C-alpha cells in the first residue's frame, strides 16, 4: 500500500465553528472533530459553557477557543466571527448546533379530545393554549438561529471560495411528533432551508447538508422522556424506544461518524441532503 495514499477523511488543520457548543450533543461533536485534528471555535450563549467545552478540548491535546455568542444577534455573531478569524485565520466548517424546544410551545396531551374544551385545569395545555411568544421563541432559536450564523460565517467561506455548513434538523422534520408543533415545524424549515442553501451556495464552493438526529436525551427533551423524580422513562419515552429498531436512545458519539463524513472530502460531491441518525426510527412503521 502506498504510504502517500490520500486519506479522504483527513480534516487535520481545518477550522470549525460550532454554535450551541456548550450543549450535550454539540460539545461532543466539537470534541470529536478536535480529536481528528481540527481547530474548534466553541460558541454558546453561556460563556462559561463555551469556555469549559474549549478547555476540555485543550486538556485533551486539541486546540480550541470558547466564545460567548447569541445566535439571534448579528452584532454578537460578527464579534465572534472577527475573533475566530483573529485566532485561527479562516473558517472551513460551520455547524449550526444552537436550537431546542420550549415548554411554552408544548401541549400536555398528544391529541385533543372533546372534553378538553370544557375542562379548566392549570396542568392542561391544549393547542389553543400555546403561548405565541413561546412558539416564536422556538422558531427564532431554531430557524433564525441557523440563518443568521450562516449569513455571518458563511460570508467568510464564500469569500474564501470553499467551506461546509452542517445544519441540525430532526426526526420531527420527517414526521411531526405529538405535543411539540412549533419544534417540529421549525425543524422542517431547517431541512427545507438546507436544500435551498445548498443550491444557492454551490457556485461559491460551499456545501450545505444537515444531520437529523433521532432520539437523544438532552436538556431540552429530558422533561418529556424521563420522570423528573424517578428517572424512569415516561410513557412517551417507552413509545420511542418501542419504535426504534435498535432499541435505545442515541449516544452523543453516535453522531460523530456522520459528521466527519459530511465535513471531510469523503463527501465532496454531497450537498443538499438530510441524513437521519436515528437507530432506524424513520424506517419503522410501528407494525
Protein backbone atom coordinates (compact mmCIF):
# COMPACT_ATOMS: atom_id res chain seq x y z
CA UNK A 1 0.00 0.00 0.00
CA UNK A 2 1.36 3.40 -0.95
CA UNK A 3 2.34 5.40 2.14
CA UNK A 4 1.36 8.60 0.36
CA UNK A 5 -2.18 7.38 -0.36
CA UNK A 6 -4.81 10.07 0.04
CA UNK A 7 -6.99 9.91 3.16
CA UNK A 8 -10.30 11.47 2.16
CA UNK A 9 -11.37 11.66 5.82
CA UNK A 10 -8.34 13.70 6.85
CA UNK A 11 -9.53 17.03 8.31
CA UNK A 12 -6.40 17.99 10.23
CA UNK A 13 -5.81 21.72 10.47
CA UNK A 14 -9.28 22.75 9.35
CA UNK A 15 -11.23 25.30 11.36
CA UNK A 16 -14.75 24.58 12.63
CA UNK A 17 -17.21 26.95 14.30
CA UNK A 18 -19.80 25.15 16.45
CA UNK A 19 -22.80 27.13 17.71
CA UNK A 20 -24.57 25.74 20.75
CA UNK A 21 -21.23 24.13 21.51
CA UNK A 22 -21.86 24.05 25.25
CA UNK A 23 -24.75 21.61 24.88
CA UNK A 24 -24.56 17.85 25.27
CA UNK A 25 -24.59 16.88 21.59
CA UNK A 26 -22.63 19.79 20.14
CA UNK A 27 -19.97 19.61 22.81
CA UNK A 28 -19.34 16.01 21.79
CA UNK A 29 -19.28 17.00 18.10
CA UNK A 30 -16.69 19.66 18.85
CA UNK A 31 -14.55 17.29 20.93
CA UNK A 32 -14.64 14.52 18.33
CA UNK A 33 -13.70 16.87 15.48
CA UNK A 34 -10.86 18.22 17.62
CA UNK A 35 -9.67 14.65 18.14
CA UNK A 36 -9.40 14.39 14.35
CA UNK A 37 -7.05 17.39 14.31
CA UNK A 38 -9.50 20.21 13.62
CA UNK A 39 -9.27 23.53 15.43
CA UNK A 40 -12.55 24.45 17.09
CA UNK A 41 -14.32 27.67 17.97
CA UNK A 42 -16.98 26.75 20.53
CA UNK A 43 -19.80 29.29 20.60
CA UNK A 44 -22.56 29.33 23.19
CA UNK A 45 -24.92 31.84 24.78
CA UNK A 46 -23.43 30.77 28.10
CA UNK A 47 -19.85 31.99 28.24
CA UNK A 48 -18.88 29.53 30.97
CA UNK A 49 -20.23 26.58 28.97
CA UNK A 50 -18.33 27.65 25.85
CA UNK A 51 -15.09 28.13 27.75
CA UNK A 52 -15.50 24.82 29.60
CA UNK A 53 -16.04 22.92 26.35
CA UNK A 54 -12.98 24.59 24.79
CA UNK A 55 -10.89 23.89 27.90
CA UNK A 56 -11.84 20.20 27.73
CA UNK A 57 -10.61 20.04 24.15
CA UNK A 58 -7.33 21.75 25.02
CA UNK A 59 -6.78 19.49 28.03
CA UNK A 60 -7.02 16.52 25.67
CA UNK A 61 -4.38 17.83 23.28
CA UNK A 62 -6.60 19.77 20.88
CA UNK A 63 -6.83 23.43 20.06
CA UNK A 64 -9.99 25.40 20.77
CA UNK A 65 -11.37 28.73 21.87
CA UNK A 66 -14.62 29.30 23.72
CA UNK A 67 -16.68 32.38 22.89
CA UNK A 68 -19.91 33.82 24.21
CA UNK A 69 -22.32 34.36 21.33
CA UNK A 70 -26.04 34.97 20.83
CA UNK A 71 -27.07 33.36 17.53
CA UNK A 72 -30.06 35.72 17.29
CA UNK A 73 -27.97 38.90 17.34
CA UNK A 74 -25.93 39.85 14.29
CA UNK A 75 -23.55 42.08 16.28
CA UNK A 76 -22.77 39.24 18.67
CA UNK A 77 -22.20 36.87 15.76
CA UNK A 78 -19.96 39.35 13.97
CA UNK A 79 -17.86 39.88 17.08
CA UNK A 80 -17.44 36.13 17.44
CA UNK A 81 -16.57 35.80 13.74
CA UNK A 82 -13.94 38.53 13.99
CA UNK A 83 -12.41 36.75 16.98
CA UNK A 84 -12.32 33.40 15.19
CA UNK A 85 -10.54 34.98 12.23
CA UNK A 86 -8.12 36.71 14.59
CA UNK A 87 -7.27 33.45 16.36
CA UNK A 88 -7.40 30.91 13.51
CA UNK A 89 -7.20 32.99 10.31
CA UNK A 90 -10.04 31.30 8.38
CA UNK A 91 -13.24 29.26 8.71
CA UNK A 92 -13.75 25.93 6.95
CA UNK A 93 -16.81 24.49 8.67
CA UNK A 94 -19.89 25.95 10.36
CA UNK A 95 -22.02 23.64 12.50
CA UNK A 96 -25.34 25.29 13.31
CA UNK A 97 -25.99 23.42 16.53
CA UNK A 98 -27.92 26.01 18.53
CA UNK A 99 -31.58 25.08 18.90
CA UNK A 100 -34.16 23.47 21.14
CA UNK A 101 -37.76 23.34 22.27
CA UNK A 102 -39.64 25.22 24.99
CA UNK A 103 -42.36 24.03 27.41
CA UNK A 104 -44.49 27.06 26.49
CA UNK A 105 -44.79 25.65 22.96
CA UNK A 106 -45.64 22.13 24.11
CA UNK A 107 -49.11 20.62 24.62
CA UNK A 108 -49.77 18.46 27.66
CA UNK A 109 -51.64 15.78 25.70
CA UNK A 110 -50.77 14.06 22.46
CA UNK A 111 -54.24 14.66 20.99
CA UNK A 112 -57.22 16.95 21.57
CA UNK A 113 -60.42 15.37 22.92
CA UNK A 114 -63.89 16.98 23.14
CA UNK A 115 -63.82 17.05 26.95
CA UNK A 116 -60.60 19.06 26.88
CA UNK A 117 -62.54 22.02 25.52
CA UNK A 118 -64.56 22.41 28.71
CA UNK A 119 -62.05 21.38 31.37
CA UNK A 120 -60.30 24.21 33.21
CA UNK A 121 -57.10 22.91 34.73
CA UNK A 122 -53.72 24.54 35.18
CA UNK A 123 -51.87 21.42 34.11
CA UNK A 124 -53.86 21.05 30.88
CA UNK A 125 -52.40 22.87 27.90
CA UNK A 126 -54.11 22.26 24.57
CA UNK A 127 -53.15 23.56 21.14
CA UNK A 128 -55.42 26.54 21.82
CA UNK A 129 -53.45 27.41 24.96
CA UNK A 130 -49.99 27.53 23.39
CA UNK A 131 -48.16 30.75 24.18
CA UNK A 132 -47.49 32.67 20.92
CA UNK A 133 -44.30 34.04 22.42
CA UNK A 134 -43.18 30.51 23.27
CA UNK A 135 -43.86 29.40 19.71
CA UNK A 136 -41.98 32.42 18.35
CA UNK A 137 -39.05 31.66 20.66
CA UNK A 138 -38.79 28.12 19.25
CA UNK A 139 -38.92 29.34 15.65
CA UNK A 140 -36.38 32.07 16.28
CA UNK A 141 -33.95 29.81 18.12
CA UNK A 142 -34.04 27.04 15.53
CA UNK A 143 -34.55 28.78 12.20
CA UNK A 144 -33.18 32.29 12.66
CA UNK A 145 -30.50 30.75 14.90
CA UNK A 146 -29.37 28.84 11.82
CA UNK A 147 -29.91 31.53 9.17
CA UNK A 148 -28.10 34.38 10.94
CA UNK A 149 -24.87 32.48 11.77
CA UNK A 150 -24.80 31.24 8.17
CA UNK A 151 -25.00 34.82 6.94
CA UNK A 152 -22.07 35.89 9.10
CA UNK A 153 -19.74 32.89 8.96
CA UNK A 154 -20.90 31.77 5.52
CA UNK A 155 -19.77 35.06 4.00
CA UNK A 156 -16.22 34.33 5.14
CA UNK A 157 -16.33 30.92 3.48
CA UNK A 158 -17.88 32.38 0.32
CA UNK A 159 -15.04 34.88 0.08
CA UNK A 160 -12.55 32.03 0.56
CA UNK A 161 -14.26 30.07 -2.22
CA UNK A 162 -14.91 26.94 -0.15
CA UNK A 163 -16.49 25.73 3.04
CA UNK A 164 -19.04 23.41 4.60
CA UNK A 165 -22.21 24.17 6.53
CA UNK A 166 -23.83 21.50 8.69
CA UNK A 167 -27.34 22.21 9.95
CA UNK A 168 -29.10 20.21 12.65
CA UNK A 169 -32.53 19.00 11.63
CA UNK A 170 -34.56 16.35 13.49
CA UNK A 171 -36.79 13.31 13.20
CA UNK A 172 -39.61 15.83 13.61
CA UNK A 173 -38.83 17.13 10.14
CA UNK A 174 -39.62 13.71 8.65
CA UNK A 175 -42.73 13.04 10.70
CA UNK A 176 -44.07 15.64 13.13
CA UNK A 177 -44.23 14.39 16.69
CA UNK A 178 -47.15 14.90 19.01
CA UNK A 179 -47.02 17.64 21.68
CA UNK A 180 -44.33 19.77 20.02
CA UNK A 181 -45.82 21.50 16.95
CA UNK A 182 -43.51 24.51 16.97
CA UNK A 183 -40.33 22.46 17.22
CA UNK A 184 -41.50 20.04 14.53
CA UNK A 185 -42.35 22.86 12.15
CA UNK A 186 -39.12 24.73 12.87
CA UNK A 187 -37.00 21.65 12.15
CA UNK A 188 -38.94 21.01 8.95
CA UNK A 189 -37.95 24.56 7.99
CA UNK A 190 -34.30 23.67 8.68
CA UNK A 191 -34.46 20.73 6.27
CA UNK A 192 -36.04 22.87 3.56
CA UNK A 193 -33.55 25.67 4.18
CA UNK A 194 -30.67 23.19 3.90
CA UNK A 195 -31.75 22.25 0.39
CA UNK A 196 -32.32 25.88 -0.61
CA UNK A 197 -28.98 27.00 0.78
CA UNK A 198 -27.10 24.12 -0.88
CA UNK A 199 -28.40 25.25 -4.25
CA UNK A 200 -27.72 28.91 -3.56
CA UNK A 201 -24.18 28.43 -2.23
CA UNK A 202 -22.87 25.86 -4.72
CA UNK A 203 -21.33 28.42 -7.13
CA UNK A 204 -19.12 29.82 -4.35
CA UNK A 205 -17.84 26.39 -3.29
CA UNK A 206 -19.91 25.91 -0.13
CA UNK A 207 -21.57 22.57 0.55
CA UNK A 208 -24.62 22.53 2.85
CA UNK A 209 -26.02 19.40 4.47
CA UNK A 210 -27.92 18.50 7.62
CA UNK A 211 -27.95 15.77 10.23
CA UNK A 212 -31.33 14.69 11.61
CA UNK A 213 -30.73 13.06 15.00
CA UNK A 214 -33.20 10.54 16.27
CA UNK A 215 -33.84 10.47 20.00
CA UNK A 216 -31.03 11.56 22.28
CA UNK A 217 -31.56 12.62 25.88
CA UNK A 218 -30.75 16.32 26.11
CA UNK A 219 -31.58 19.20 28.44
CA UNK A 220 -34.40 20.22 26.08
CA UNK A 221 -36.31 16.93 25.90
CA UNK A 222 -35.46 15.22 29.17
CA UNK A 223 -38.64 16.52 30.84
CA UNK A 224 -40.72 14.78 28.15
CA UNK A 225 -38.91 11.44 28.07
CA UNK A 226 -37.97 10.74 31.69
CA UNK A 227 -39.69 11.14 35.03
CA UNK A 228 -38.09 14.04 36.89
CA UNK A 229 -38.35 12.28 40.26
CA UNK A 230 -37.56 8.66 39.46
CA UNK A 231 -35.54 8.95 36.28
CA UNK A 232 -37.66 6.20 34.71
CA UNK A 233 -38.89 6.53 31.16
CA UNK A 234 -42.23 8.23 30.69
CA UNK A 235 -44.90 6.62 28.53
CA UNK A 236 -43.60 8.80 25.68
CA UNK A 237 -40.05 7.62 26.28
CA UNK A 238 -41.14 3.99 26.22
CA UNK A 239 -43.07 4.55 22.99
CA UNK A 240 -39.97 5.98 21.34
CA UNK A 241 -37.83 3.02 22.36
CA UNK A 242 -40.51 0.64 21.12
CA UNK A 243 -40.45 2.36 17.73
CA UNK A 244 -36.65 2.44 17.45
CA UNK A 245 -35.45 -0.83 15.90
CA UNK A 246 -32.09 -0.58 17.65
CA UNK A 247 -33.94 -0.38 20.97
CA UNK A 248 -32.16 2.53 22.64
CA UNK A 249 -31.69 6.28 22.70
CA UNK A 250 -28.75 7.64 20.77
CA UNK A 251 -25.47 8.44 22.46
CA UNK A 252 -23.72 11.73 21.59
CA UNK A 253 -20.84 9.87 19.92
CA UNK A 254 -23.31 8.22 17.52
CA UNK A 255 -23.38 11.46 15.52
CA UNK A 256 -19.63 11.73 15.07
CA UNK A 257 -19.09 9.36 12.15
CA UNK A 258 -21.76 11.00 10.02
CA UNK A 259 -20.45 14.43 10.97
CA UNK A 260 -16.87 13.52 9.99
CA UNK A 261 -18.09 12.20 6.63
CA UNK A 262 -20.02 15.40 5.90
CA UNK A 263 -17.20 17.81 6.83
CA UNK A 264 -14.48 15.83 5.05
CA UNK A 265 -13.55 15.33 1.41
CA UNK A 266 -15.23 11.92 1.61
CA UNK A 267 -18.48 13.77 0.86
CA UNK A 268 -17.01 16.20 -1.68
CA UNK A 269 -19.89 15.66 -4.14
CA UNK A 270 -22.61 15.61 -1.49
CA UNK A 271 -24.74 18.68 -0.85
CA UNK A 272 -28.36 19.41 -0.02
CA UNK A 273 -29.14 16.22 1.91
CA UNK A 274 -30.56 15.50 5.37
CA UNK A 275 -29.07 12.38 6.96
CA UNK A 276 -31.08 10.55 9.65
CA UNK A 277 -29.03 9.20 12.55
CA UNK A 278 -31.88 7.56 14.39
CA UNK A 279 -31.37 3.88 15.11
CA UNK A 280 -33.89 3.04 12.42
CA UNK A 281 -36.81 5.11 13.82
CA UNK A 282 -37.64 6.69 10.46
CA UNK A 283 -37.70 3.26 8.78
CA UNK A 284 -40.14 1.59 11.19
CA UNK A 285 -43.90 1.84 10.56
CA UNK A 286 -44.81 0.68 14.04
CA UNK A 287 -46.13 -2.70 12.96
